[in-house]
Amino acid sequence: QDYTLTGAKLVNVDSMQEKHIPKNCNEGLFGWSTVARNTRNIVLTSSEFDALAIATTTKLAAVCLPRGASSLALEVLPQLEQFSTITLWFPGDVRSWEAAKQFAHKLNVKRCYYIRPSEATPQAFPAAVKGLDLGRVVKQAQPMSHKSIITFRKLRNDVLSEIIHAEQVAGVQWQRFPKLNKYLKGHRRGELTVFTGPTGSGKTTFLCEYSLDLYMQGVRTLWGSFEIRNVRLAKTMLRQYAMKSFENAIEEFDDWADMFEMLPVYFMDFHGEQSIKNVAETMA
């Protein structure tokens, strides 16, 4: 197979800070060039180190998602169609576990398996350092699919996770609006919050700040605006993110735009009246 180098990611092994070259290059499956065309089983990780650990200590194919566990890029879905089994080996925190379950539904849950890191069986790279047999760990992966009636055995890991990660389960705490934490207890999955007010009262401006607070902390955010154009929303949020207006500093636009582009914020490409079915399918 022929490949062309389009970018690189530099990772500091001490601080684990990442740097993309060029700045906005974060696409492609790391390790894909090592996967044979007739491969039918693969392990997905959120870390290049994990993928390298699996690939170098076992005969298994392993790749790292371009954006880690923060999102499953649509561009990689066609590449993953050839596999009959996909094992997800992500970090053990609540956010990564929720991401794994969402990814499994997009990839066809019936062919997806998971490995939930624990103290005894950490992520792939730390497990390799401990001398664990990564191939055996992958063989013990559990299926993601479930039936309508489940047992406590199926819930056991989720219960343990909520106990261990009580602060995360309580919700993502706002940093820009600390008083909201007192009343809403943080941004929590499965809850709906409604903000109302007359025209011109600042609802859109506030919600831009509200969402900016969350996706700067890594919370994936999807905007669905059916009246206000996405360009206007994006411009408002970029200004809030940079805390400056670019009319008199246009030379700084590209640097700030590159950083903003890396944040997990997305926009529905709808405008005007839409059917509930179309909106629900997009959100799913």
C-alpha atoms as a PDB file:
ATOM      1  CA  GLN A   1       0.000   0.000   0.000  1.00  0.00           C
ATOM      2  CA  ASP A   2       1.171   3.535  -0.758  1.00  0.00           C
ATOM      3  CA  TYR A   3       0.951   6.191   1.942  1.00  0.00           C
ATOM      4  CA  THR A   4       1.753   9.889   2.032  1.00  0.00           C
ATOM      5  CA  LEU A   5       2.765  11.682   5.216  1.00  0.00           C
ATOM      6  CA  THR A   6       0.313  14.538   5.798  1.00  0.00           C
ATOM      7  CA  GLY A   7       1.100  15.466   9.383  1.00  0.00           C
ATOM      8  CA  ALA A   8       2.584  14.418  12.684  1.00  0.00           C
ATOM      9  CA  LYS A   9       1.741  14.444  16.376  1.00  0.00           C
ATOM     10  CA  LEU A  10       4.468  15.044  18.951  1.00  0.00           C
ATOM     11  CA  VAL A  11       3.791  13.697  22.459  1.00  0.00           C
ATOM     12  CA  ASN A  12       5.858  14.657  25.491  1.00  0.00           C
ATOM     13  CA  VAL A  13       6.375  11.373  27.368  1.00  0.00           C
ATOM     14  CA  ASP A  14       6.672  13.198  30.689  1.00  0.00           C
ATOM     15  CA  SER A  15       3.756  15.645  30.554  1.00  0.00           C
ATOM     16  CA  MET A  16       1.765  13.768  27.836  1.00  0.00           C
ATOM     17  CA  GLN A  17       1.125  17.125  26.164  1.00  0.00           C
ATOM     18  CA  GLU A  18       0.422  16.844  22.449  1.00  0.00           C
ATOM     19  CA  LYS A  19       1.452  19.021  19.535  1.00  0.00           C
ATOM     20  CA  HIS A  20       0.105  18.624  15.997  1.00  0.00           C
ATOM     21  CA  ILE A  21       2.132  19.485  12.907  1.00  0.00           C
ATOM     22  CA  PRO A  22       0.473  21.235  11.135  1.00  0.00           C
ATOM     23  CA  LYS A  23      -1.688  22.605  13.936  1.00  0.00           C
ATOM     24  CA  ASN A  24      -5.035  21.463  12.553  1.00  0.00           C
ATOM     25  CA  CYS A  25      -3.848  17.982  11.570  1.00  0.00           C
ATOM     26  CA  ASN A  26      -5.696  15.483  13.789  1.00  0.00           C
ATOM     27  CA  GLU A  27      -7.185  13.087  11.272  1.00  0.00           C
ATOM     28  CA  GLY A  28      -6.405   9.481  10.412  1.00  0.00           C
ATOM     29  CA  LEU A  29      -6.034   6.268  12.377  1.00  0.00           C
ATOM     30  CA  PHE A  30      -2.620   5.973  13.992  1.00  0.00           C
ATOM     31  CA  GLY A  31      -1.171   2.577  13.094  1.00  0.00           C
ATOM     32  CA  TRP A  32      -3.458   2.029  10.100  1.00  0.00           C
ATOM     33  CA  SER A  33      -0.495   1.398   7.789  1.00  0.00           C
ATOM     34  CA  THR A  34       0.286  -1.789   9.777  1.00  0.00           C
ATOM     35  CA  VAL A  35      -3.199  -3.292   9.341  1.00  0.00           C
ATOM     36  CA  ALA A  36      -3.439  -5.909   6.585  1.00  0.00           C
ATOM     37  CA  ARG A  37      -6.393  -5.805   4.205  1.00  0.00           C
ATOM     38  CA  ASN A  38      -7.566  -9.271   5.251  1.00  0.00           C
ATOM     39  CA  THR A  39      -7.564  -8.423   8.971  1.00  0.00           C
ATOM     40  CA  ARG A  40     -10.949  -9.062  10.578  1.00  0.00           C
ATOM     41  CA  ASN A  41     -10.278  -8.217  14.248  1.00  0.00           C
ATOM     42  CA  ILE A  42      -8.949  -4.918  15.564  1.00  0.00           C
ATOM     43  CA  VAL A  43      -8.442  -3.068  18.851  1.00  0.00           C
ATOM     44  CA  LEU A  44      -9.331   0.638  19.055  1.00  0.00           C
ATOM     45  CA  THR A  45      -7.492   2.762  21.613  1.00  0.00           C
ATOM     46  CA  SER A  46      -7.475   6.441  22.549  1.00  0.00           C
ATOM     47  CA  SER A  47      -3.692   6.603  22.984  1.00  0.00           C
ATOM     48  CA  GLU A  48      -0.869   6.022  20.531  1.00  0.00           C
ATOM     49  CA  PHE A  49       1.141   4.411  23.344  1.00  0.00           C
ATOM     50  CA  ASP A  50      -1.639   1.875  23.942  1.00  0.00           C
ATOM     51  CA  ALA A  51      -1.851   1.033  20.241  1.00  0.00           C
ATOM     52  CA  LEU A  52       1.922   0.591  20.035  1.00  0.00           C
ATOM     53  CA  ALA A  53       1.933  -1.628  23.137  1.00  0.00           C
ATOM     54  CA  ILE A  54      -0.696  -3.956  21.667  1.00  0.00           C
ATOM     55  CA  ALA A  55       0.800  -4.070  18.191  1.00  0.00           C
ATOM     56  CA  THR A  56       4.350  -4.762  19.400  1.00  0.00           C
ATOM     57  CA  THR A  57       3.576  -7.361  22.103  1.00  0.00           C
ATOM     58  CA  THR A  58       0.845  -9.327  20.320  1.00  0.00           C
ATOM     59  CA  LYS A  59      -0.093 -10.347  16.801  1.00  0.00           C
ATOM     60  CA  LEU A  60      -3.232  -8.234  17.025  1.00  0.00           C
ATOM     61  CA  ALA A  61      -4.017  -5.200  14.890  1.00  0.00           C
ATOM     62  CA  ALA A  62      -4.391  -2.030  16.946  1.00  0.00           C
ATOM     63  CA  VAL A  63      -4.996   1.596  15.992  1.00  0.00           C
ATOM     64  CA  CYS A  64      -5.528   4.848  17.846  1.00  0.00           C
ATOM     65  CA  LEU A  65      -8.480   7.126  17.083  1.00  0.00           C
ATOM     66  CA  PRO A  66      -7.400  10.549  15.763  1.00  0.00           C
ATOM     67  CA  ARG A  67      -9.247  12.456  18.505  1.00  0.00           C
ATOM     68  CA  GLY A  68      -8.920   9.901  21.260  1.00  0.00           C
ATOM     69  CA  ALA A  69     -12.084   9.122  23.194  1.00  0.00           C
ATOM     70  CA  SER A  70     -13.461  12.632  22.665  1.00  0.00           C
ATOM     71  CA  SER A  71     -15.172  11.825  19.369  1.00  0.00           C
ATOM     72  CA  LEU A  72     -15.420   9.234  16.615  1.00  0.00           C
ATOM     73  CA  ALA A  73     -14.527  11.032  13.392  1.00  0.00           C
ATOM     74  CA  LEU A  74     -16.897  10.249  10.532  1.00  0.00           C
ATOM     75  CA  GLU A  75     -13.921   9.962   8.209  1.00  0.00           C
ATOM     76  CA  VAL A  76     -12.716   6.740   9.867  1.00  0.00           C
ATOM     77  CA  LEU A  77     -16.032   4.860   9.794  1.00  0.00           C
ATOM     78  CA  PRO A  78     -15.548   3.471   6.256  1.00  0.00           C
ATOM     79  CA  GLN A  79     -12.117   2.161   7.245  1.00  0.00           C
ATOM     80  CA  LEU A  80     -13.625   0.147  10.092  1.00  0.00           C
ATOM     81  CA  GLU A  81     -16.286  -1.584   8.000  1.00  0.00           C
ATOM     82  CA  GLN A  82     -14.030  -4.543   7.110  1.00  0.00           C
ATOM     83  CA  PHE A  83     -13.781  -5.826  10.686  1.00  0.00           C
ATOM     84  CA  SER A  84     -15.999  -8.511  12.172  1.00  0.00           C
ATOM     85  CA  THR A  85     -14.977  -7.705  15.761  1.00  0.00           C
ATOM     86  CA  ILE A  86     -13.866  -4.372  17.201  1.00  0.00           C
ATOM     87  CA  THR A  87     -12.504  -4.218  20.750  1.00  0.00           C
ATOM     88  CA  LEU A  88     -12.577  -0.833  22.495  1.00  0.00           C
ATOM     89  CA  TRP A  89      -9.812  -0.357  25.067  1.00  0.00           C
ATOM     90  CA  PHE A  90     -10.225   3.160  26.436  1.00  0.00           C
ATOM     91  CA  PRO A  91      -9.382   4.761  29.820  1.00  0.00           C
ATOM     92  CA  GLY A  92     -11.525   3.742  32.787  1.00  0.00           C
ATOM     93  CA  ASP A  93     -13.075   7.135  33.603  1.00  0.00           C
ATOM     94  CA  VAL A  94     -16.801   7.755  33.196  1.00  0.00           C
ATOM     95  CA  ARG A  95     -16.480  10.027  30.158  1.00  0.00           C
ATOM     96  CA  SER A  96     -14.398   7.485  28.231  1.00  0.00           C
ATOM     97  CA  TRP A  97     -16.791   4.683  29.150  1.00  0.00           C
ATOM     98  CA  GLU A  98     -19.786   6.672  27.916  1.00  0.00           C
ATOM     99  CA  ALA A  99     -17.860   7.433  24.716  1.00  0.00           C
ATOM    100  CA  ALA A 100     -17.134   3.727  24.225  1.00  0.00           C
ATOM    101  CA  LYS A 101     -20.832   2.893  24.456  1.00  0.00           C
ATOM    102  CA  GLN A 102     -21.753   5.625  21.964  1.00  0.00           C
ATOM    103  CA  PHE A 103     -19.009   4.573  19.559  1.00  0.00           C
ATOM    104  CA  ALA A 104     -20.189   0.956  19.742  1.00  0.00           C
ATOM    105  CA  HIS A 105     -23.668   1.959  18.578  1.00  0.00           C
ATOM    106  CA  LYS A 106     -22.199   3.818  15.600  1.00  0.00           C
ATOM    107  CA  LEU A 107     -19.952   0.858  14.732  1.00  0.00           C
ATOM    108  CA  ASN A 108     -22.702  -1.773  15.164  1.00  0.00           C
ATOM    109  CA  VAL A 109     -22.884  -2.845  18.783  1.00  0.00           C
ATOM    110  CA  LYS A 110     -23.135  -6.533  17.868  1.00  0.00           C
ATOM    111  CA  ARG A 111     -19.527  -6.634  16.658  1.00  0.00           C
ATOM    112  CA  CYS A 112     -18.073  -4.499  19.472  1.00  0.00           C
ATOM    113  CA  TYR A 113     -16.353  -5.674  22.643  1.00  0.00           C
ATOM    114  CA  TYR A 114     -14.863  -3.671  25.473  1.00  0.00           C
ATOM    115  CA  ILE A 115     -12.091  -3.821  28.037  1.00  0.00           C
ATOM    116  CA  ARG A 116     -12.806  -1.733  31.129  1.00  0.00           C
ATOM    117  CA  PRO A 117      -9.471  -0.755  32.732  1.00  0.00           C
ATOM    118  CA  SER A 118      -9.067  -1.497  36.437  1.00  0.00           C
ATOM    119  CA  GLU A 119      -6.231  -1.506  38.938  1.00  0.00           C
ATOM    120  CA  ALA A 120      -5.509  -5.140  38.055  1.00  0.00           C
ATOM    121  CA  THR A 121      -5.855  -4.574  34.307  1.00  0.00           C
ATOM    122  CA  PRO A 122      -4.978  -0.954  33.393  1.00  0.00           C
ATOM    123  CA  GLN A 123      -4.789   0.558  29.916  1.00  0.00           C
ATOM    124  CA  ALA A 124      -2.682  -1.298  27.374  1.00  0.00           C
ATOM    125  CA  PHE A 125       0.589   0.615  27.776  1.00  0.00           C
ATOM    126  CA  PRO A 126       0.681   0.487  31.612  1.00  0.00           C
ATOM    127  CA  ALA A 127      -0.428  -3.171  31.401  1.00  0.00           C
ATOM    128  CA  ALA A 128       2.504  -3.933  29.094  1.00  0.00           C
ATOM    129  CA  VAL A 129       4.881  -2.190  31.499  1.00  0.00           C
ATOM    130  CA  LYS A 130       3.520  -4.418  34.280  1.00  0.00           C
ATOM    131  CA  GLY A 131       4.271  -7.446  32.143  1.00  0.00           C
ATOM    132  CA  LEU A 132       0.661  -8.497  31.564  1.00  0.00           C
ATOM    133  CA  ASP A 133      -0.275 -10.668  28.590  1.00  0.00           C
ATOM    134  CA  LEU A 134      -2.171  -8.157  26.423  1.00  0.00           C
ATOM    135  CA  GLY A 135      -3.374 -10.873  24.068  1.00  0.00           C
ATOM    136  CA  ARG A 136      -5.057 -12.685  26.945  1.00  0.00           C
ATOM    137  CA  VAL A 137      -6.621  -9.441  28.168  1.00  0.00           C
ATOM    138  CA  VAL A 138      -8.132  -8.809  24.728  1.00  0.00           C
ATOM    139  CA  LYS A 139      -9.521 -12.366  24.613  1.00  0.00           C
ATOM    140  CA  GLN A 140     -11.369 -11.641  27.878  1.00  0.00           C
ATOM    141  CA  ALA A 141     -13.103  -8.556  26.428  1.00  0.00           C
ATOM    142  CA  GLN A 142     -16.846  -8.394  27.082  1.00  0.00           C
ATOM    143  CA  PRO A 143     -19.522  -7.860  24.396  1.00  0.00           C
ATOM    144  CA  MET A 144     -21.070  -4.386  24.255  1.00  0.00           C
ATOM    145  CA  SER A 145     -24.501  -5.663  23.140  1.00  0.00           C
ATOM    146  CA  HIS A 146     -27.192  -6.389  25.713  1.00  0.00           C
ATOM    147  CA  LYS A 147     -30.772  -7.634  25.823  1.00  0.00           C
ATOM    148  CA  SER A 148     -33.796  -5.933  27.324  1.00  0.00           C
ATOM    149  CA  ILE A 149     -33.409  -7.766  30.642  1.00  0.00           C
ATOM    150  CA  ILE A 150     -30.022  -7.683  32.290  1.00  0.00           C
ATOM    151  CA  THR A 151     -28.492  -8.964  35.501  1.00  0.00           C
ATOM    152  CA  PHE A 152     -26.453  -7.198  38.149  1.00  0.00           C
ATOM    153  CA  ARG A 153     -23.379  -8.755  36.560  1.00  0.00           C
ATOM    154  CA  LYS A 154     -23.958  -6.487  33.570  1.00  0.00           C
ATOM    155  CA  LEU A 155     -24.413  -3.462  35.841  1.00  0.00           C
ATOM    156  CA  ARG A 156     -21.580  -4.279  38.208  1.00  0.00           C
ATOM    157  CA  ASN A 157     -18.839  -2.321  36.407  1.00  0.00           C
ATOM    158  CA  ASP A 158     -21.120   0.706  35.975  1.00  0.00           C
ATOM    159  CA  VAL A 159     -22.005   0.677  39.680  1.00  0.00           C
ATOM    160  CA  LEU A 160     -18.329   0.450  40.639  1.00  0.00           C
ATOM    161  CA  SER A 161     -17.457   3.248  38.217  1.00  0.00           C
ATOM    162  CA  GLU A 162     -20.077   5.580  39.711  1.00  0.00           C
ATOM    163  CA  ILE A 163     -18.734   4.875  43.198  1.00  0.00           C
ATOM    164  CA  ILE A 164     -15.101   5.434  42.201  1.00  0.00           C
ATOM    165  CA  HIS A 165     -15.810   8.473  40.006  1.00  0.00           C
ATOM    166  CA  ALA A 166     -18.479  10.097  42.177  1.00  0.00           C
ATOM    167  CA  GLU A 167     -17.375  13.631  41.246  1.00  0.00           C
ATOM    168  CA  GLN A 168     -17.652  12.939  37.508  1.00  0.00           C
ATOM    169  CA  VAL A 169     -21.064  11.318  37.897  1.00  0.00           C
ATOM    170  CA  ALA A 170     -22.236  14.376  39.835  1.00  0.00           C
ATOM    171  CA  GLY A 171     -21.692  16.401  36.684  1.00  0.00           C
ATOM    172  CA  VAL A 172     -19.113  18.604  34.980  1.00  0.00           C
ATOM    173  CA  GLN A 173     -18.648  21.691  37.111  1.00  0.00           C
ATOM    174  CA  TRP A 174     -18.808  25.094  35.448  1.00  0.00           C
ATOM    175  CA  GLN A 175     -15.691  27.225  35.792  1.00  0.00           C
ATOM    176  CA  ARG A 176     -17.101  30.445  34.329  1.00  0.00           C
ATOM    177  CA  PHE A 177     -20.380  30.246  36.256  1.00  0.00           C
ATOM    178  CA  PRO A 178     -19.653  28.794  39.716  1.00  0.00           C
ATOM    179  CA  LYS A 179     -23.102  29.782  41.017  1.00  0.00           C
ATOM    180  CA  LEU A 180     -24.697  27.406  38.504  1.00  0.00           C
ATOM    181  CA  ASN A 181     -22.984  24.522  40.306  1.00  0.00           C
ATOM    182  CA  LYS A 182     -24.970  25.379  43.416  1.00  0.00           C
ATOM    183  CA  TYR A 183     -28.335  25.246  41.667  1.00  0.00           C
ATOM    184  CA  LEU A 184     -27.823  22.730  38.839  1.00  0.00           C
ATOM    185  CA  LYS A 185     -25.146  20.560  40.505  1.00  0.00           C
ATOM    186  CA  GLY A 186     -23.112  20.507  37.295  1.00  0.00           C
ATOM    187  CA  HIS A 187     -23.815  19.497  33.709  1.00  0.00           C
ATOM    188  CA  ARG A 188     -25.107  15.916  33.891  1.00  0.00           C
ATOM    189  CA  ARG A 189     -25.930  13.381  31.201  1.00  0.00           C
ATOM    190  CA  GLY A 190     -29.610  12.672  30.618  1.00  0.00           C
ATOM    191  CA  GLU A 191     -30.871  16.004  31.947  1.00  0.00           C
ATOM    192  CA  LEU A 192     -32.625  18.800  30.068  1.00  0.00           C
ATOM    193  CA  THR A 193     -32.211  22.437  31.121  1.00  0.00           C
ATOM    194  CA  VAL A 194     -34.428  25.109  29.549  1.00  0.00           C
ATOM    195  CA  PHE A 195     -33.383  28.789  29.434  1.00  0.00           C
ATOM    196  CA  THR A 196     -36.102  31.255  28.496  1.00  0.00           C
ATOM    197  CA  GLY A 197     -36.271  35.023  28.108  1.00  0.00           C
ATOM    198  CA  PRO A 198     -37.540  37.788  25.821  1.00  0.00           C
ATOM    199  CA  THR A 199     -35.824  38.712  22.559  1.00  0.00           C
ATOM    200  CA  GLY A 200     -32.546  40.526  23.137  1.00  0.00           C
ATOM    201  CA  SER A 201     -32.183  39.421  26.756  1.00  0.00           C
ATOM    202  CA  GLY A 202     -28.878  37.639  26.054  1.00  0.00           C
ATOM    203  CA  LYS A 203     -29.929  33.986  25.832  1.00  0.00           C
ATOM    204  CA  THR A 204     -27.690  33.207  22.857  1.00  0.00           C
ATOM    205  CA  THR A 205     -24.709  35.098  24.262  1.00  0.00           C
ATOM    206  CA  PHE A 206     -25.057  33.309  27.587  1.00  0.00           C
ATOM    207  CA  LEU A 207     -25.497  29.862  26.025  1.00  0.00           C
ATOM    208  CA  CYS A 208     -22.393  30.433  23.904  1.00  0.00           C
ATOM    209  CA  GLU A 209     -20.443  31.133  27.101  1.00  0.00           C
ATOM    210  CA  TYR A 210     -22.216  28.228  28.810  1.00  0.00           C
ATOM    211  CA  SER A 211     -21.207  25.724  26.124  1.00  0.00           C
ATOM    212  CA  LEU A 212     -17.708  27.231  25.773  1.00  0.00           C
ATOM    213  CA  ASP A 213     -17.158  26.497  29.464  1.00  0.00           C
ATOM    214  CA  LEU A 214     -18.046  22.844  28.883  1.00  0.00           C
ATOM    215  CA  TYR A 215     -16.251  22.009  25.654  1.00  0.00           C
ATOM    216  CA  MET A 216     -13.080  23.693  26.903  1.00  0.00           C
ATOM    217  CA  GLN A 217     -13.213  20.948  29.541  1.00  0.00           C
ATOM    218  CA  GLY A 218     -13.565  18.263  26.861  1.00  0.00           C
ATOM    219  CA  VAL A 219     -17.363  17.867  26.890  1.00  0.00           C
ATOM    220  CA  ARG A 220     -18.589  17.127  23.364  1.00  0.00           C
ATOM    221  CA  THR A 221     -21.127  19.811  22.431  1.00  0.00           C
ATOM    222  CA  LEU A 222     -23.609  19.865  19.552  1.00  0.00           C
ATOM    223  CA  TRP A 223     -25.328  23.120  18.614  1.00  0.00           C
ATOM    224  CA  GLY A 224     -28.720  22.999  16.929  1.00  0.00           C
ATOM    225  CA  SER A 225     -29.736  26.503  15.894  1.00  0.00           C
ATOM    226  CA  PHE A 226     -32.685  26.861  13.533  1.00  0.00           C
ATOM    227  CA  GLU A 227     -32.883  30.658  13.481  1.00  0.00           C
ATOM    228  CA  ILE A 228     -29.387  32.004  14.087  1.00  0.00           C
ATOM    229  CA  ARG A 229     -26.807  31.114  11.431  1.00  0.00           C
ATOM    230  CA  ASN A 230     -23.934  28.867  12.444  1.00  0.00           C
ATOM    231  CA  VAL A 231     -21.430  31.434  11.177  1.00  0.00           C
ATOM    232  CA  ARG A 232     -22.742  33.981  13.665  1.00  0.00           C
ATOM    233  CA  LEU A 233     -22.662  31.466  16.514  1.00  0.00           C
ATOM    234  CA  ALA A 234     -19.130  30.376  15.677  1.00  0.00           C
ATOM    235  CA  LYS A 235     -17.962  33.988  15.453  1.00  0.00           C
ATOM    236  CA  THR A 236     -19.472  34.775  18.858  1.00  0.00           C
ATOM    237  CA  MET A 237     -17.866  31.753  20.491  1.00  0.00           C
ATOM    238  CA  LEU A 238     -14.472  32.387  18.889  1.00  0.00           C
ATOM    239  CA  ARG A 239     -14.537  35.930  20.264  1.00  0.00           C
ATOM    240  CA  GLN A 240     -15.492  34.654  23.696  1.00  0.00           C
ATOM    241  CA  TYR A 241     -12.787  31.990  23.542  1.00  0.00           C
ATOM    242  CA  ALA A 242     -10.075  34.473  22.567  1.00  0.00           C
ATOM    243  CA  MET A 243     -11.610  37.233  24.710  1.00  0.00           C
ATOM    244  CA  LYS A 244     -11.024  39.715  21.929  1.00  0.00           C
ATOM    245  CA  SER A 245     -12.570  41.090  18.764  1.00  0.00           C
ATOM    246  CA  PHE A 246     -10.552  40.425  15.620  1.00  0.00           C
ATOM    247  CA  GLU A 247     -11.554  43.498  13.627  1.00  0.00           C
ATOM    248  CA  ASN A 248      -8.360  45.225  14.723  1.00  0.00           C
ATOM    249  CA  ALA A 249      -6.269  42.073  15.135  1.00  0.00           C
ATOM    250  CA  ILE A 250      -7.007  40.070  11.985  1.00  0.00           C
ATOM    251  CA  GLU A 251      -3.419  38.771  11.917  1.00  0.00           C
ATOM    252  CA  GLU A 252      -4.183  36.771  15.084  1.00  0.00           C
ATOM    253  CA  PHE A 253      -7.272  35.089  13.629  1.00  0.00           C
ATOM    254  CA  ASP A 254      -5.571  31.978  12.216  1.00  0.00           C
ATOM    255  CA  ASP A 255      -3.759  31.136  15.480  1.00  0.00           C
ATOM    256  CA  TRP A 256      -6.924  31.404  17.561  1.00  0.00           C
ATOM    257  CA  ALA A 257      -9.019  29.634  14.912  1.00  0.00           C
ATOM    258  CA  ASP A 258      -6.543  26.714  14.847  1.00  0.00           C
ATOM    259  CA  MET A 259      -6.881  26.290  18.624  1.00  0.00           C
ATOM    260  CA  PHE A 260     -10.664  26.669  18.551  1.00  0.00           C
ATOM    261  CA  GLU A 261     -10.908  24.085  15.775  1.00  0.00           C
ATOM    262  CA  MET A 262      -9.429  21.455  18.100  1.00  0.00           C
ATOM    263  CA  LEU A 263     -12.273  21.829  20.634  1.00  0.00           C
ATOM    264  CA  PRO A 264     -15.096  19.213  20.590  1.00  0.00           C
ATOM    265  CA  VAL A 265     -17.881  21.539  19.405  1.00  0.00           C
ATOM    266  CA  TYR A 266     -20.126  20.749  16.441  1.00  0.00           C
ATOM    267  CA  PHE A 267     -23.019  22.432  14.628  1.00  0.00           C
ATOM    268  CA  MET A 268     -26.119  20.961  13.023  1.00  0.00           C
ATOM    269  CA  ASP A 269     -26.315  22.050   9.410  1.00  0.00           C
ATOM    270  CA  PHE A 270     -30.011  22.933   9.642  1.00  0.00           C
ATOM    271  CA  HIS A 271     -31.844  26.216   9.257  1.00  0.00           C
ATOM    272  CA  GLY A 272     -35.537  26.916   9.534  1.00  0.00           C
ATOM    273  CA  GLU A 273     -38.258  24.360  10.193  1.00  0.00           C
ATOM    274  CA  GLN A 274     -37.080  20.735  10.368  1.00  0.00           C
ATOM    275  CA  SER A 275     -38.780  17.413  11.086  1.00  0.00           C
ATOM    276  CA  ILE A 276     -38.241  15.912  14.517  1.00  0.00           C
ATOM    277  CA  LYS A 277     -37.032  12.713  12.831  1.00  0.00           C
ATOM    278  CA  ASN A 278     -34.193  14.506  11.008  1.00  0.00           C
ATOM    279  CA  VAL A 279     -33.077  16.297  14.170  1.00  0.00           C
ATOM    280  CA  ALA A 280     -33.241  13.139  16.297  1.00  0.00           C
ATOM    281  CA  GLU A 281     -31.244  11.149  13.737  1.00  0.00           C
ATOM    282  CA  THR A 282     -28.563  13.837  13.646  1.00  0.00           C
ATOM    283  CA  MET A 283     -28.321  13.946  17.431  1.00  0.00           C
ATOM    284  CA  ALA A 284     -27.984  10.164  17.555  1.00  0.00           C
END
